[in-house]
Amino acid sequence: MLLMRAIVRPEKKDEVLANLSAAGFNAATMVDVVGRGKQKGIKIGGMVYDEIPKVLILMVIPDEEKDRVVKIVLETGRTGANGTFGDGKIFVSPVDEVYTISKNSRGL
């Protein structure tokens, strides 16, 4: 199992989630977050905005589905044909254990 953390623009959240759901990946947790990337924010005129709103999408997925899920987020989360700074990031890491609280059981 893998944990995918995708940070996307707020205006892309619904489209990303719809495409993931259409591909059979319905379970997700979303959190509104703020942050900045390598550019240290956005400078508009004399103002620097270093807390840019984003959405963090968390999903636990089977190892064998990683490439498919990442491809959906990459294609759907990108703005414009070539993408733009600030479109987001995807982080994938292993999950050692999962427990379902309502069933008092281990596993998805």
PDB file of N, CA and C in Angstrom:
ATOM      1  N   MET A   1       0.834  -1.178   0.000  1.00  0.00           N
ATOM      2  CA  MET A   1       0.000   0.000   0.000  1.00  0.00           C
ATOM      3  C   MET A   1       0.878   1.241   0.000  1.00  0.00           C
ATOM      4  N   LEU A   2       0.357   2.284  -0.602  1.00  0.00           N
ATOM      5  CA  LEU A   2       1.084   3.546  -0.706  1.00  0.00           C
ATOM      6  C   LEU A   2       0.190   4.699  -0.289  1.00  0.00           C
ATOM      7  N   LEU A   3       0.809   5.729   0.269  1.00  0.00           N
ATOM      8  CA  LEU A   3       0.105   6.966   0.575  1.00  0.00           C
ATOM      9  C   LEU A   3       0.481   7.987  -0.482  1.00  0.00           C
ATOM     10  N   MET A   4      -0.512   8.468  -1.212  1.00  0.00           N
ATOM     11  CA  MET A   4      -0.279   9.520  -2.192  1.00  0.00           C
ATOM     12  C   MET A   4      -0.787  10.817  -1.588  1.00  0.00           C
ATOM     13  N   ARG A   5       0.099  11.809  -1.539  1.00  0.00           N
ATOM     14  CA  ARG A   5      -0.264  13.153  -1.098  1.00  0.00           C
ATOM     15  C   ARG A   5      -0.106  14.057  -2.306  1.00  0.00           C
ATOM     16  N   ALA A   6      -1.213  14.580  -2.786  1.00  0.00           N
ATOM     17  CA  ALA A   6      -1.192  15.459  -3.953  1.00  0.00           C
ATOM     18  C   ALA A   6      -1.604  16.861  -3.503  1.00  0.00           C
ATOM     19  N   ILE A   7      -0.754  17.827  -3.804  1.00  0.00           N
ATOM     20  CA  ILE A   7      -1.059  19.220  -3.510  1.00  0.00           C
ATOM     21  C   ILE A   7      -1.439  19.867  -4.833  1.00  0.00           C
ATOM     22  N   VAL A   8      -2.692  20.344  -4.922  1.00  0.00           N
ATOM     23  CA  VAL A   8      -3.200  20.902  -6.177  1.00  0.00           C
ATOM     24  C   VAL A   8      -3.824  22.266  -5.943  1.00  0.00           C
ATOM     25  N   ARG A   9      -4.006  22.994  -7.021  1.00  0.00           N
ATOM     26  CA  ARG A   9      -4.698  24.286  -6.948  1.00  0.00           C
ATOM     27  C   ARG A   9      -6.155  24.038  -6.547  1.00  0.00           C
ATOM     28  N   PRO A  10      -6.729  24.933  -5.738  1.00  0.00           N
ATOM     29  CA  PRO A  10      -8.123  24.750  -5.300  1.00  0.00           C
ATOM     30  C   PRO A  10      -9.105  24.623  -6.458  1.00  0.00           C
ATOM     31  N   GLU A  11      -8.870  25.351  -7.533  1.00  0.00           N
ATOM     32  CA  GLU A  11      -9.796  25.297  -8.665  1.00  0.00           C
ATOM     33  C   GLU A  11      -9.698  23.987  -9.445  1.00  0.00           C
ATOM     34  N   LYS A  12      -8.682  23.168  -9.156  1.00  0.00           N
ATOM     35  CA  LYS A  12      -8.517  21.880  -9.827  1.00  0.00           C
ATOM     36  C   LYS A  12      -9.021  20.710  -8.993  1.00  0.00           C
ATOM     37  N   LYS A  13      -9.319  20.965  -7.724  1.00  0.00           N
ATOM     38  CA  LYS A  13      -9.696  19.886  -6.803  1.00  0.00           C
ATOM     39  C   LYS A  13     -10.855  19.047  -7.322  1.00  0.00           C
ATOM     40  N   ASP A  14     -11.958  19.674  -7.689  1.00  0.00           N
ATOM     41  CA  ASP A  14     -13.144  18.921  -8.107  1.00  0.00           C
ATOM     42  C   ASP A  14     -12.875  18.083  -9.349  1.00  0.00           C
ATOM     43  N   GLU A  15     -12.140  18.631 -10.293  1.00  0.00           N
ATOM     44  CA  GLU A  15     -11.828  17.893 -11.521  1.00  0.00           C
ATOM     45  C   GLU A  15     -10.919  16.695 -11.231  1.00  0.00           C
ATOM     46  N   VAL A  16      -9.918  16.903 -10.389  1.00  0.00           N
ATOM     47  CA  VAL A  16      -9.016  15.803 -10.016  1.00  0.00           C
ATOM     48  C   VAL A  16      -9.806  14.705  -9.318  1.00  0.00           C
ATOM     49  N   LEU A  17     -10.631  15.077  -8.346  1.00  0.00           N
ATOM     50  CA  LEU A  17     -11.414  14.079  -7.612  1.00  0.00           C
ATOM     51  C   LEU A  17     -12.415  13.359  -8.511  1.00  0.00           C
ATOM     52  N   ALA A  18     -13.033  14.076  -9.435  1.00  0.00           N
ATOM     53  CA  ALA A  18     -13.993  13.451 -10.359  1.00  0.00           C
ATOM     54  C   ALA A  18     -13.304  12.422 -11.242  1.00  0.00           C
ATOM     55  N   ASN A  19     -12.124  12.746 -11.750  1.00  0.00           N
ATOM     56  CA  ASN A  19     -11.396  11.809 -12.612  1.00  0.00           C
ATOM     57  C   ASN A  19     -10.883  10.613 -11.827  1.00  0.00           C
ATOM     58  N   LEU A  20     -10.448  10.832 -10.587  1.00  0.00           N
ATOM     59  CA  LEU A  20     -10.027   9.706  -9.748  1.00  0.00           C
ATOM     60  C   LEU A  20     -11.220   8.801  -9.460  1.00  0.00           C
ATOM     61  N   SER A  21     -12.354   9.397  -9.138  1.00  0.00           N
ATOM     62  CA  SER A  21     -13.562   8.624  -8.850  1.00  0.00           C
ATOM     63  C   SER A  21     -14.019   7.843 -10.077  1.00  0.00           C
ATOM     64  N   ALA A  22     -13.967   8.465 -11.249  1.00  0.00           N
ATOM     65  CA  ALA A  22     -14.359   7.779 -12.486  1.00  0.00           C
ATOM     66  C   ALA A  22     -13.462   6.573 -12.769  1.00  0.00           C
ATOM     67  N   ALA A  23     -12.228   6.628 -12.283  1.00  0.00           N
ATOM     68  CA  ALA A  23     -11.294   5.519 -12.471  1.00  0.00           C
ATOM     69  C   ALA A  23     -11.390   4.486 -11.345  1.00  0.00           C
ATOM     70  N   GLY A  24     -12.330   4.713 -10.405  1.00  0.00           N
ATOM     71  CA  GLY A  24     -12.550   3.743  -9.340  1.00  0.00           C
ATOM     72  C   GLY A  24     -11.855   4.059  -8.030  1.00  0.00           C
ATOM     73  N   PHE A  25     -11.258   5.227  -7.927  1.00  0.00           N
ATOM     74  CA  PHE A  25     -10.569   5.625  -6.691  1.00  0.00           C
ATOM     75  C   PHE A  25     -11.431   6.665  -5.975  1.00  0.00           C
ATOM     76  N   ASN A  26     -12.342   6.190  -5.138  1.00  0.00           N
ATOM     77  CA  ASN A  26     -13.314   7.069  -4.492  1.00  0.00           C
ATOM     78  C   ASN A  26     -12.854   7.596  -3.140  1.00  0.00           C
ATOM     79  N   ALA A  27     -12.057   6.820  -2.426  1.00  0.00           N
ATOM     80  CA  ALA A  27     -11.672   7.185  -1.062  1.00  0.00           C
ATOM     81  C   ALA A  27     -10.555   8.221  -1.082  1.00  0.00           C
ATOM     82  N   ALA A  28     -10.826   9.374  -0.490  1.00  0.00           N
ATOM     83  CA  ALA A  28      -9.831  10.437  -0.435  1.00  0.00           C
ATOM     84  C   ALA A  28     -10.151  11.348   0.738  1.00  0.00           C
ATOM     85  N   THR A  29      -9.108  11.958   1.265  1.00  0.00           N
ATOM     86  CA  THR A  29      -9.255  12.973   2.300  1.00  0.00           C
ATOM     87  C   THR A  29      -8.713  14.272   1.724  1.00  0.00           C
ATOM     88  N   MET A  30      -9.454  15.351   1.893  1.00  0.00           N
ATOM     89  CA  MET A  30      -9.025  16.655   1.370  1.00  0.00           C
ATOM     90  C   MET A  30      -8.853  17.632   2.526  1.00  0.00           C
ATOM     91  N   VAL A  31      -7.792  18.416   2.446  1.00  0.00           N
ATOM     92  CA  VAL A  31      -7.510  19.420   3.462  1.00  0.00           C
ATOM     93  C   VAL A  31      -7.114  20.705   2.749  1.00  0.00           C
ATOM     94  N   ASP A  32      -7.745  21.818   3.115  1.00  0.00           N
ATOM     95  CA  ASP A  32      -7.319  23.117   2.595  1.00  0.00           C
ATOM     96  C   ASP A  32      -6.034  23.510   3.317  1.00  0.00           C
ATOM     97  N   VAL A  33      -5.010  23.844   2.547  1.00  0.00           N
ATOM     98  CA  VAL A  33      -3.705  24.208   3.108  1.00  0.00           C
ATOM     99  C   VAL A  33      -3.204  25.485   2.447  1.00  0.00           C
ATOM    100  N   VAL A  34      -2.171  26.073   3.020  1.00  0.00           N
ATOM    101  CA  VAL A  34      -1.472  27.190   2.394  1.00  0.00           C
ATOM    102  C   VAL A  34       0.013  26.870   2.407  1.00  0.00           C
ATOM    103  N   GLY A  35       0.724  27.408   1.449  1.00  0.00           N
ATOM    104  CA  GLY A  35       2.156  27.178   1.390  1.00  0.00           C
ATOM    105  C   GLY A  35       2.772  27.925   0.235  1.00  0.00           C
ATOM    106  N   ARG A  36       4.029  27.594  -0.004  1.00  0.00           N
ATOM    107  CA  ARG A  36       4.735  28.196  -1.124  1.00  0.00           C
ATOM    108  C   ARG A  36       5.761  27.202  -1.624  1.00  0.00           C
ATOM    109  N   GLY A  37       6.159  27.359  -2.862  1.00  0.00           N
ATOM    110  CA  GLY A  37       7.135  26.482  -3.468  1.00  0.00           C
ATOM    111  C   GLY A  37       8.498  27.138  -3.564  1.00  0.00           C
ATOM    112  N   LYS A  38       9.262  26.667  -4.504  1.00  0.00           N
ATOM    113  CA  LYS A  38      10.631  27.152  -4.698  1.00  0.00           C
ATOM    114  C   LYS A  38      10.692  28.641  -4.992  1.00  0.00           C
ATOM    115  N   GLN A  39       9.616  29.180  -5.565  1.00  0.00           N
ATOM    116  CA  GLN A  39       9.602  30.594  -5.954  1.00  0.00           C
ATOM    117  C   GLN A  39       9.388  31.515  -4.758  1.00  0.00           C
ATOM    118  N   LYS A  40       9.154  30.963  -3.574  1.00  0.00           N
ATOM    119  CA  LYS A  40       8.937  31.731  -2.347  1.00  0.00           C
ATOM    120  C   LYS A  40       7.689  32.603  -2.421  1.00  0.00           C
ATOM    121  N   GLY A  41       6.675  32.147  -3.125  1.00  0.00           N
ATOM    122  CA  GLY A  41       5.426  32.891  -3.214  1.00  0.00           C
ATOM    123  C   GLY A  41       5.290  33.604  -4.545  1.00  0.00           C
ATOM    124  N   ILE A  42       4.375  34.544  -4.573  1.00  0.00           N
ATOM    125  CA  ILE A  42       4.086  35.304  -5.781  1.00  0.00           C
ATOM    126  C   ILE A  42       4.259  36.784  -5.472  1.00  0.00           C
ATOM    127  N   LYS A  43       4.943  37.490  -6.358  1.00  0.00           N
ATOM    128  CA  LYS A  43       5.098  38.939  -6.200  1.00  0.00           C
ATOM    129  C   LYS A  43       4.210  39.630  -7.222  1.00  0.00           C
ATOM    130  N   ILE A  44       3.292  40.448  -6.713  1.00  0.00           N
ATOM    131  CA  ILE A  44       2.392  41.221  -7.572  1.00  0.00           C
ATOM    132  C   ILE A  44       2.567  42.677  -7.178  1.00  0.00           C
ATOM    133  N   GLY A  45       3.146  43.446  -8.095  1.00  0.00           N
ATOM    134  CA  GLY A  45       3.473  44.831  -7.760  1.00  0.00           C
ATOM    135  C   GLY A  45       4.518  44.823  -6.651  1.00  0.00           C
ATOM    136  N   GLY A  46       4.251  45.544  -5.579  1.00  0.00           N
ATOM    137  CA  GLY A  46       5.176  45.586  -4.453  1.00  0.00           C
ATOM    138  C   GLY A  46       4.843  44.585  -3.364  1.00  0.00           C
ATOM    139  N   MET A  47       3.772  43.806  -3.552  1.00  0.00           N
ATOM    140  CA  MET A  47       3.337  42.851  -2.529  1.00  0.00           C
ATOM    141  C   MET A  47       3.847  41.448  -2.834  1.00  0.00           C
ATOM    142  N   VAL A  48       4.295  40.759  -1.801  1.00  0.00           N
ATOM    143  CA  VAL A  48       4.692  39.362  -1.922  1.00  0.00           C
ATOM    144  C   VAL A  48       3.680  38.522  -1.154  1.00  0.00           C
ATOM    145  N   TYR A  49       3.090  37.560  -1.840  1.00  0.00           N
ATOM    146  CA  TYR A  49       2.130  36.640  -1.233  1.00  0.00           C
ATOM    147  C   TYR A  49       2.842  35.305  -1.070  1.00  0.00           C
ATOM    148  N   ASP A  50       3.157  34.959   0.189  1.00  0.00           N
ATOM    149  CA  ASP A  50       3.906  33.725   0.405  1.00  0.00           C
ATOM    150  C   ASP A  50       3.059  32.624   1.032  1.00  0.00           C
ATOM    151  N   GLU A  51       1.782  32.866   1.191  1.00  0.00           N
ATOM    152  CA  GLU A  51       0.858  31.836   1.650  1.00  0.00           C
ATOM    153  C   GLU A  51      -0.192  31.630   0.566  1.00  0.00           C
ATOM    154  N   ILE A  52       0.108  30.719  -0.333  1.00  0.00           N
ATOM    155  CA  ILE A  52      -0.741  30.461  -1.494  1.00  0.00           C
ATOM    156  C   ILE A  52      -1.713  29.327  -1.143  1.00  0.00           C
ATOM    157  N   PRO A  53      -3.020  29.519  -1.353  1.00  0.00           N
ATOM    158  CA  PRO A  53      -3.975  28.453  -1.032  1.00  0.00           C
ATOM    159  C   PRO A  53      -3.833  27.267  -1.983  1.00  0.00           C
ATOM    160  N   LYS A  54      -3.882  26.083  -1.408  1.00  0.00           N
ATOM    161  CA  LYS A  54      -3.837  24.816  -2.150  1.00  0.00           C
ATOM    162  C   LYS A  54      -4.778  23.836  -1.470  1.00  0.00           C
ATOM    163  N   VAL A  55      -4.957  22.671  -2.084  1.00  0.00           N
ATOM    164  CA  VAL A  55      -5.719  21.575  -1.484  1.00  0.00           C
ATOM    165  C   VAL A  55      -4.801  20.362  -1.435  1.00  0.00           C
ATOM    166  N   LEU A  56      -4.746  19.725  -0.277  1.00  0.00           N
ATOM    167  CA  LEU A  56      -3.979  18.498  -0.105  1.00  0.00           C
ATOM    168  C   LEU A  56      -4.952  17.332  -0.194  1.00  0.00           C
ATOM    169  N   ILE A  57      -4.707  16.446  -1.158  1.00  0.00           N
ATOM    170  CA  ILE A  57      -5.532  15.247  -1.334  1.00  0.00           C
ATOM    171  C   ILE A  57      -4.699  14.057  -0.873  1.00  0.00           C
ATOM    172  N   LEU A  58      -5.248  13.309   0.081  1.00  0.00           N
ATOM    173  CA  LEU A  58      -4.566  12.134   0.628  1.00  0.00           C
ATOM    174  C   LEU A  58      -5.326  10.891   0.217  1.00  0.00           C
ATOM    175  N   MET A  59      -4.596   9.898  -0.287  1.00  0.00           N
ATOM    176  CA  MET A  59      -5.216   8.636  -0.693  1.00  0.00           C
ATOM    177  C   MET A  59      -4.271   7.490  -0.382  1.00  0.00           C
ATOM    178  N   VAL A  60      -4.816   6.395   0.136  1.00  0.00           N
ATOM    179  CA  VAL A  60      -4.055   5.159   0.270  1.00  0.00           C
ATOM    180  C   VAL A  60      -4.463   4.274  -0.892  1.00  0.00           C
ATOM    181  N   ILE A  61      -3.463   3.838  -1.652  1.00  0.00           N
ATOM    182  CA  ILE A  61      -3.726   3.086  -2.883  1.00  0.00           C
ATOM    183  C   ILE A  61      -2.867   1.822  -2.916  1.00  0.00           C
ATOM    184  N   PRO A  62      -3.302   0.804  -3.656  1.00  0.00           N
ATOM    185  CA  PRO A  62      -2.466  -0.378  -3.832  1.00  0.00           C
ATOM    186  C   PRO A  62      -1.205  -0.036  -4.635  1.00  0.00           C
ATOM    187  N   ASP A  63      -0.113  -0.700  -4.333  1.00  0.00           N
ATOM    188  CA  ASP A  63       1.160  -0.448  -5.023  1.00  0.00           C
ATOM    189  C   ASP A  63       1.007  -0.497  -6.543  1.00  0.00           C
ATOM    190  N   GLU A  64       0.256  -1.477  -7.014  1.00  0.00           N
ATOM    191  CA  GLU A  64       0.145  -1.690  -8.463  1.00  0.00           C
ATOM    192  C   GLU A  64      -0.686  -0.607  -9.169  1.00  0.00           C
ATOM    193  N   GLU A  65      -1.392   0.232  -8.411  1.00  0.00           N
ATOM    194  CA  GLU A  65      -2.205   1.296  -9.001  1.00  0.00           C
ATOM    195  C   GLU A  65      -1.502   2.657  -9.001  1.00  0.00           C
ATOM    196  N   LYS A  66      -0.286   2.706  -8.460  1.00  0.00           N
ATOM    197  CA  LYS A  66       0.419   3.988  -8.305  1.00  0.00           C
ATOM    198  C   LYS A  66       0.531   4.748  -9.621  1.00  0.00           C
ATOM    199  N   ASP A  67       1.027   4.106 -10.666  1.00  0.00           N
ATOM    200  CA  ASP A  67       1.250   4.808 -11.932  1.00  0.00           C
ATOM    201  C   ASP A  67      -0.052   5.376 -12.494  1.00  0.00           C
ATOM    202  N   ARG A  68      -1.125   4.623 -12.379  1.00  0.00           N
ATOM    203  CA  ARG A  68      -2.410   5.076 -12.908  1.00  0.00           C
ATOM    204  C   ARG A  68      -2.938   6.279 -12.121  1.00  0.00           C
ATOM    205  N   VAL A  69      -2.851   6.214 -10.802  1.00  0.00           N
ATOM    206  CA  VAL A  69      -3.344   7.320  -9.971  1.00  0.00           C
ATOM    207  C   VAL A  69      -2.497   8.572 -10.189  1.00  0.00           C
ATOM    208  N   VAL A  70      -1.183   8.416 -10.196  1.00  0.00           N
ATOM    209  CA  VAL A  70      -0.296   9.567 -10.408  1.00  0.00           C
ATOM    210  C   VAL A  70      -0.564  10.201 -11.771  1.00  0.00           C
ATOM    211  N   LYS A  71      -0.765   9.378 -12.798  1.00  0.00           N
ATOM    212  CA  LYS A  71      -1.036   9.904 -14.141  1.00  0.00           C
ATOM    213  C   LYS A  71      -2.322  10.731 -14.160  1.00  0.00           C
ATOM    214  N   ILE A  72      -3.354  10.257 -13.476  1.00  0.00           N
ATOM    215  CA  ILE A  72      -4.626  10.992 -13.431  1.00  0.00           C
ATOM    216  C   ILE A  72      -4.424  12.360 -12.780  1.00  0.00           C
ATOM    217  N   VAL A  73      -3.705  12.389 -11.661  1.00  0.00           N
ATOM    218  CA  VAL A  73      -3.495  13.663 -10.957  1.00  0.00           C
ATOM    219  C   VAL A  73      -2.616  14.590 -11.789  1.00  0.00           C
ATOM    220  N   LEU A  74      -1.562  14.053 -12.391  1.00  0.00           N
ATOM    221  CA  LEU A  74      -0.677  14.879 -13.225  1.00  0.00           C
ATOM    222  C   LEU A  74      -1.435  15.506 -14.387  1.00  0.00           C
ATOM    223  N   GLU A  75      -2.232  14.716 -15.075  1.00  0.00           N
ATOM    224  CA  GLU A  75      -2.948  15.214 -16.245  1.00  0.00           C
ATOM    225  C   GLU A  75      -4.080  16.167 -15.868  1.00  0.00           C
ATOM    226  N   THR A  76      -4.767  15.877 -14.767  1.00  0.00           N
ATOM    227  CA  THR A  76      -5.919  16.685 -14.389  1.00  0.00           C
ATOM    228  C   THR A  76      -5.526  17.930 -13.607  1.00  0.00           C
ATOM    229  N   GLY A  77      -4.463  17.853 -12.815  1.00  0.00           N
ATOM    230  CA  GLY A  77      -4.064  18.970 -11.971  1.00  0.00           C
ATOM    231  C   GLY A  77      -3.303  20.059 -12.689  1.00  0.00           C
ATOM    232  N   ARG A  78      -2.816  19.763 -13.876  1.00  0.00           N
ATOM    233  CA  ARG A  78      -2.014  20.728 -14.641  1.00  0.00           C
ATOM    234  C   ARG A  78      -2.898  21.817 -15.223  1.00  0.00           C
ATOM    235  N   THR A  79      -2.404  23.052 -15.188  1.00  0.00           N
ATOM    236  CA  THR A  79      -3.116  24.158 -15.834  1.00  0.00           C
ATOM    237  C   THR A  79      -2.451  24.446 -17.171  1.00  0.00           C
ATOM    238  N   GLY A  80      -3.252  24.625 -18.190  1.00  0.00           N
ATOM    239  CA  GLY A  80      -2.711  24.881 -19.522  1.00  0.00           C
ATOM    240  C   GLY A  80      -2.074  23.636 -20.111  1.00  0.00           C
ATOM    241  N   ALA A  81      -1.665  23.732 -21.339  1.00  0.00           N
ATOM    242  CA  ALA A  81      -1.092  22.581 -22.047  1.00  0.00           C
ATOM    243  C   ALA A  81       0.240  22.130 -21.456  1.00  0.00           C
ATOM    244  N   ASN A  82       1.033  23.075 -20.993  1.00  0.00           N
ATOM    245  CA  ASN A  82       2.362  22.744 -20.487  1.00  0.00           C
ATOM    246  C   ASN A  82       2.499  22.900 -18.982  1.00  0.00           C
ATOM    247  N   GLY A  83       1.424  23.220 -18.301  1.00  0.00           N
ATOM    248  CA  GLY A  83       1.499  23.426 -16.864  1.00  0.00           C
ATOM    249  C   GLY A  83       2.073  24.789 -16.524  1.00  0.00           C
ATOM    250  N   THR A  84       1.965  25.145 -15.246  1.00  0.00           N
ATOM    251  CA  THR A  84       2.398  26.450 -14.762  1.00  0.00           C
ATOM    252  C   THR A  84       3.018  26.276 -13.383  1.00  0.00           C
ATOM    253  N   PHE A  85       3.968  27.160 -13.037  1.00  0.00           N
ATOM    254  CA  PHE A  85       4.491  27.149 -11.680  1.00  0.00           C
ATOM    255  C   PHE A  85       3.313  27.223 -10.719  1.00  0.00           C
ATOM    256  N   GLY A  86       3.373  26.441  -9.655  1.00  0.00           N
ATOM    257  CA  GLY A  86       2.305  26.469  -8.660  1.00  0.00           C
ATOM    258  C   GLY A  86       1.200  25.464  -8.896  1.00  0.00           C
ATOM    259  N   ASP A  87       1.352  24.601  -9.920  1.00  0.00           N
ATOM    260  CA  ASP A  87       0.329  23.582 -10.158  1.00  0.00           C
ATOM    261  C   ASP A  87       0.304  22.526  -9.057  1.00  0.00           C
ATOM    262  N   GLY A  88       1.419  22.340  -8.355  1.00  0.00           N
ATOM    263  CA  GLY A  88       1.414  21.424  -7.223  1.00  0.00           C
ATOM    264  C   GLY A  88       2.495  20.367  -7.287  1.00  0.00           C
ATOM    265  N   LYS A  89       2.392  19.430  -6.372  1.00  0.00           N
ATOM    266  CA  LYS A  89       3.336  18.324  -6.236  1.00  0.00           C
ATOM    267  C   LYS A  89       2.576  17.067  -5.866  1.00  0.00           C
ATOM    268  N   ILE A  90       3.219  15.924  -6.135  1.00  0.00           N
ATOM    269  CA  ILE A  90       2.692  14.638  -5.700  1.00  0.00           C
ATOM    270  C   ILE A  90       3.808  13.931  -4.947  1.00  0.00           C
ATOM    271  N   PHE A  91       3.481  13.443  -3.758  1.00  0.00           N
ATOM    272  CA  PHE A  91       4.423  12.679  -2.955  1.00  0.00           C
ATOM    273  C   PHE A  91       3.832  11.290  -2.741  1.00  0.00           C
ATOM    274  N   VAL A  92       4.642  10.259  -2.927  1.00  0.00           N
ATOM    275  CA  VAL A  92       4.183   8.890  -2.732  1.00  0.00           C
ATOM    276  C   VAL A  92       5.135   8.221  -1.738  1.00  0.00           C
ATOM    277  N   SER A  93       4.570   7.605  -0.718  1.00  0.00           N
ATOM    278  CA  SER A  93       5.390   6.925   0.279  1.00  0.00           C
ATOM    279  C   SER A  93       4.692   5.651   0.741  1.00  0.00           C
ATOM    280  N   PRO A  94       5.472   4.706   1.271  1.00  0.00           N
ATOM    281  CA  PRO A  94       4.880   3.434   1.709  1.00  0.00           C
ATOM    282  C   PRO A  94       4.006   3.593   2.950  1.00  0.00           C
ATOM    283  N   VAL A  95       3.026   2.712   3.050  1.00  0.00           N
ATOM    284  CA  VAL A  95       2.164   2.621   4.227  1.00  0.00           C
ATOM    285  C   VAL A  95       2.400   1.236   4.824  1.00  0.00           C
ATOM    286  N   ASP A  96       2.814   1.200   6.079  1.00  0.00           N
ATOM    287  CA  ASP A  96       3.115  -0.078   6.723  1.00  0.00           C
ATOM    288  C   ASP A  96       1.871  -0.807   7.210  1.00  0.00           C
ATOM    289  N   GLU A  97       0.942  -0.053   7.776  1.00  0.00           N
ATOM    290  CA  GLU A  97      -0.251  -0.679   8.330  1.00  0.00           C
ATOM    291  C   GLU A  97      -1.447   0.253   8.192  1.00  0.00           C
ATOM    292  N   VAL A  98      -2.632  -0.359   8.090  1.00  0.00           N
ATOM    293  CA  VAL A  98      -3.891   0.386   8.050  1.00  0.00           C
ATOM    294  C   VAL A  98      -4.877  -0.338   8.954  1.00  0.00           C
ATOM    295  N   TYR A  99      -5.607   0.427   9.739  1.00  0.00           N
ATOM    296  CA  TYR A  99      -6.640  -0.140  10.599  1.00  0.00           C
ATOM    297  C   TYR A  99      -7.951   0.579  10.340  1.00  0.00           C
ATOM    298  N   THR A 100      -9.042  -0.180  10.274  1.00  0.00           N
ATOM    299  CA  THR A 100     -10.368   0.398  10.124  1.00  0.00           C
ATOM    300  C   THR A 100     -11.004   0.442  11.506  1.00  0.00           C
ATOM    301  N   ILE A 101     -11.248   1.635  11.998  1.00  0.00           N
ATOM    302  CA  ILE A 101     -11.733   1.821  13.357  1.00  0.00           C
ATOM    303  C   ILE A 101     -13.105   1.190  13.553  1.00  0.00           C
ATOM    304  N   SER A 102     -14.039   1.423  12.628  1.00  0.00           N
ATOM    305  CA  SER A 102     -15.410   0.930  12.807  1.00  0.00           C
ATOM    306  C   SER A 102     -15.484  -0.593  12.846  1.00  0.00           C
ATOM    307  N   LYS A 103     -14.580  -1.254  12.147  1.00  0.00           N
ATOM    308  CA  LYS A 103     -14.599  -2.725  12.098  1.00  0.00           C
ATOM    309  C   LYS A 103     -13.591  -3.334  13.068  1.00  0.00           C
ATOM    310  N   ASN A 104     -12.802  -2.477  13.722  1.00  0.00           N
ATOM    311  CA  ASN A 104     -11.772  -2.970  14.637  1.00  0.00           C
ATOM    312  C   ASN A 104     -10.895  -4.007  13.938  1.00  0.00           C
ATOM    313  N   SER A 105     -10.506  -3.677  12.689  1.00  0.00           N
ATOM    314  CA  SER A 105      -9.755  -4.643  11.905  1.00  0.00           C
ATOM    315  C   SER A 105      -8.571  -3.992  11.223  1.00  0.00           C
ATOM    316  N   ARG A 106      -7.644  -4.830  10.823  1.00  0.00           N
ATOM    317  CA  ARG A 106      -6.461  -4.382  10.107  1.00  0.00           C
ATOM    318  C   ARG A 106      -6.711  -4.544   8.607  1.00  0.00           C
ATOM    319  N   GLY A 107      -6.227  -3.583   7.823  1.00  0.00           N
ATOM    320  CA  GLY A 107      -6.346  -3.650   6.366  1.00  0.00           C
ATOM    321  C   GLY A 107      -7.392  -2.703   5.840  1.00  0.00           C
ATOM    322  N   LEU A 108      -7.361  -2.523   4.526  1.00  0.00           N
ATOM    323  CA  LEU A 108      -8.325  -1.630   3.884  1.00  0.00           C
ATOM    324  C   LEU A 108      -9.661  -2.325   3.869  1.00  0.00           C
TER     325      LEU A 108
END
